[in-house]
Amino acid sequence: MTLGATIQITADMVAWYGAVVATLAILIAAWGTWTNWFVAKRDRKQLAVDGFTIVDMPGAKERGHRLTLVSVTARNIGRRPLTLLRRVYVGFSDSDKTQIALEGEWKPKLRLNEGERAVFVGRFKDKILDPRGIVDVHVQDESGDKWMGENRIFD
């Protein structure tokens, strides 16, 4: 016993079906690619670096000294831990090649896990270069990766 109903598939229906399925496939592929990229970018080590320079510390001029401090803050914004080297480099505006290493201490520690930060304070002792020309600070981790951040000057 047949009911006599027939289904007619037209070329327009096939075209619409293909368009909808292709659009969904493209959206799903784009979502997968974006999430893979985002997870891969977040899953590596990343360091955000900021610096500021205090030129002629208050009270130092009265004692006949010229004291300039450079403070650098490093924040681990990635998921992988990293260990900072003790030395920080400062770059000058007069050339891309002029860099001076500062000795100092990272507080509270050198090894940073996800979300942790450390602060470096070092003295600028160069007699020739003007500390007002410091434009950026450079930090290096134990694997040799270099991270750069801007420097602000406080007079």
Protein backbone atom coordinates (compact mmCIF):
# COMPACT_ATOMS: atom_id res chain seq x y z
CA MET A 1 0.00 0.00 0.00
CA THR A 2 1.46 3.32 -1.08
CA LEU A 3 0.29 6.69 0.01
CA GLY A 4 1.14 8.32 -3.25
CA ALA A 5 3.27 11.09 -1.80
CA THR A 6 6.35 12.01 -3.73
CA ILE A 7 9.20 14.30 -2.81
CA GLN A 8 10.55 16.52 -5.48
CA ILE A 9 14.02 17.92 -5.01
CA THR A 10 14.71 20.93 -7.15
CA ALA A 11 18.06 22.43 -8.09
CA ASP A 12 17.30 25.48 -5.90
CA MET A 13 16.83 23.28 -2.83
CA VAL A 14 20.13 21.54 -3.46
CA ALA A 15 21.89 24.89 -3.88
CA TRP A 16 20.44 26.27 -0.63
CA TYR A 17 21.37 23.09 1.25
CA GLY A 18 24.94 23.28 -0.06
CA ALA A 19 25.22 26.97 0.85
CA VAL A 20 24.00 26.42 4.42
CA VAL A 21 26.25 23.40 5.02
CA ALA A 22 29.30 25.17 3.55
CA THR A 23 28.68 28.28 5.65
CA LEU A 24 28.42 26.21 8.84
CA ALA A 25 31.60 24.33 7.94
CA ILE A 26 33.50 27.59 7.38
CA LEU A 27 32.27 29.03 10.69
CA ILE A 28 33.25 25.89 12.61
CA ALA A 29 36.71 25.83 10.95
CA ALA A 30 37.27 29.53 11.69
CA TRP A 31 36.26 29.05 15.34
CA GLY A 32 38.62 26.09 15.69
CA THR A 33 41.51 27.96 14.10
CA TRP A 34 40.99 31.02 16.33
CA THR A 35 40.77 28.99 19.53
CA ASN A 36 43.87 26.95 18.61
CA TRP A 37 45.82 30.15 17.91
CA PHE A 38 44.64 31.80 21.12
CA VAL A 39 45.49 28.76 23.27
CA ALA A 40 48.89 28.35 21.59
CA LYS A 41 49.72 32.05 22.10
CA ARG A 42 48.64 31.99 25.73
CA ASP A 43 50.41 28.70 26.47
CA ARG A 44 53.93 30.04 25.96
CA LYS A 45 56.00 32.30 28.14
CA GLN A 46 55.40 36.03 27.75
CA LEU A 47 56.78 38.94 29.70
CA ALA A 48 55.38 42.46 29.97
CA VAL A 49 58.11 44.97 30.81
CA ASP A 50 57.74 48.57 32.02
CA GLY A 51 60.46 50.91 33.24
CA PHE A 52 60.82 54.31 34.76
CA THR A 53 63.84 56.42 35.55
CA ILE A 54 64.09 58.85 38.46
CA VAL A 55 66.71 61.45 37.58
CA ASP A 56 68.43 63.26 40.45
CA MET A 57 66.76 61.63 43.43
CA PRO A 58 65.35 64.08 45.98
CA GLY A 59 67.86 64.79 48.72
CA ALA A 60 70.87 63.62 46.69
CA LYS A 61 71.67 67.08 45.28
CA GLU A 62 71.80 68.61 48.75
CA ARG A 63 74.52 66.13 49.67
CA GLY A 64 76.44 66.87 46.48
CA HIS A 65 75.56 63.62 44.70
CA ARG A 66 73.84 62.89 41.47
CA LEU A 67 71.76 59.75 41.94
CA THR A 68 69.66 58.26 39.16
CA LEU A 69 67.61 55.12 39.74
CA VAL A 70 66.09 52.90 37.07
CA SER A 71 63.16 50.75 38.11
CA VAL A 72 61.86 47.94 35.89
CA THR A 73 58.71 45.88 36.45
CA ALA A 74 58.43 42.50 34.71
CA ARG A 75 55.12 40.60 34.70
CA ASN A 76 54.72 37.04 33.41
CA ILE A 77 51.53 37.17 31.34
CA GLY A 78 51.99 33.72 29.80
CA ARG A 79 51.37 30.29 31.29
CA ARG A 80 54.94 29.00 31.18
CA PRO A 81 57.30 29.95 34.04
CA LEU A 82 60.51 31.82 33.26
CA THR A 83 63.64 32.84 35.12
CA LEU A 84 65.05 36.35 34.70
CA LEU A 85 68.72 37.20 34.42
CA ARG A 86 70.10 39.62 36.99
CA ARG A 87 71.17 42.19 34.42
CA VAL A 88 68.87 44.81 32.82
CA TYR A 89 69.82 46.85 29.75
CA VAL A 90 68.68 50.37 28.97
CA GLY A 91 68.48 51.75 25.43
CA PHE A 92 69.02 55.37 24.43
CA SER A 93 67.27 57.63 21.93
CA ASP A 94 70.49 58.71 20.17
CA SER A 95 71.04 55.32 18.55
CA ASP A 96 69.61 51.85 18.43
CA LYS A 97 72.94 50.30 19.38
CA THR A 98 73.72 52.19 22.58
CA GLN A 99 72.82 50.01 25.55
CA ILE A 100 74.15 50.00 29.06
CA ALA A 101 73.82 47.12 31.51
CA LEU A 102 72.61 47.90 35.01
CA GLU A 103 73.38 45.75 38.00
CA GLY A 104 70.75 45.40 40.67
CA GLU A 105 68.32 43.03 42.35
CA TRP A 106 65.02 41.52 41.24
CA LYS A 107 62.56 41.48 44.12
CA PRO A 108 60.92 39.31 45.33
CA LYS A 109 62.46 36.61 43.10
CA LEU A 110 63.96 35.74 39.71
CA ARG A 111 61.65 32.86 38.75
CA LEU A 112 58.17 34.04 37.72
CA ASN A 113 55.19 31.74 37.37
CA GLU A 114 51.96 32.70 35.63
CA GLY A 115 50.65 36.06 36.85
CA GLU A 116 53.64 36.87 39.07
CA ARG A 117 55.78 39.99 38.84
CA ALA A 118 59.17 41.19 39.98
CA VAL A 119 60.67 44.66 40.34
CA PHE A 120 64.28 45.55 39.52
CA VAL A 121 65.95 48.66 40.93
CA GLY A 122 69.38 49.63 39.67
CA ARG A 123 71.61 52.69 39.75
CA PHE A 124 72.56 54.53 36.58
CA LYS A 125 76.26 55.44 37.04
CA ASP A 126 77.37 56.48 33.54
CA LYS A 127 79.07 59.89 33.57
CA ILE A 128 78.90 60.53 29.80
CA LEU A 129 75.34 59.62 28.78
CA ASP A 130 72.39 61.63 30.02
CA PRO A 131 69.84 59.42 31.80
CA ARG A 132 67.06 61.56 30.30
CA GLY A 133 67.84 59.84 26.98
CA ILE A 134 66.76 56.37 28.16
CA VAL A 135 63.82 55.32 25.99
CA ASP A 136 63.47 51.60 26.62
CA VAL A 137 64.47 48.81 28.96
CA HIS A 138 65.51 45.28 27.98
CA VAL A 139 65.18 42.15 30.11
CA GLN A 140 66.53 38.71 29.26
CA ASP A 141 65.52 35.32 30.61
CA GLU A 142 67.74 32.31 31.13
CA SER A 143 66.82 30.76 27.76
CA GLY A 144 68.13 33.84 25.93
CA ASP A 145 64.77 35.39 24.98
CA LYS A 146 64.80 39.19 25.16
CA TRP A 147 61.86 41.32 26.22
CA MET A 148 61.61 45.09 25.74
CA GLY A 149 59.44 47.74 27.38
CA GLU A 150 59.07 51.51 27.34
CA ASN A 151 60.74 53.77 29.85
CA ARG A 152 59.26 56.87 31.48
CA ILE A 153 61.41 59.68 32.89
CA PHE A 154 60.68 61.44 36.18
CA ASP A 155 62.71 64.58 36.86
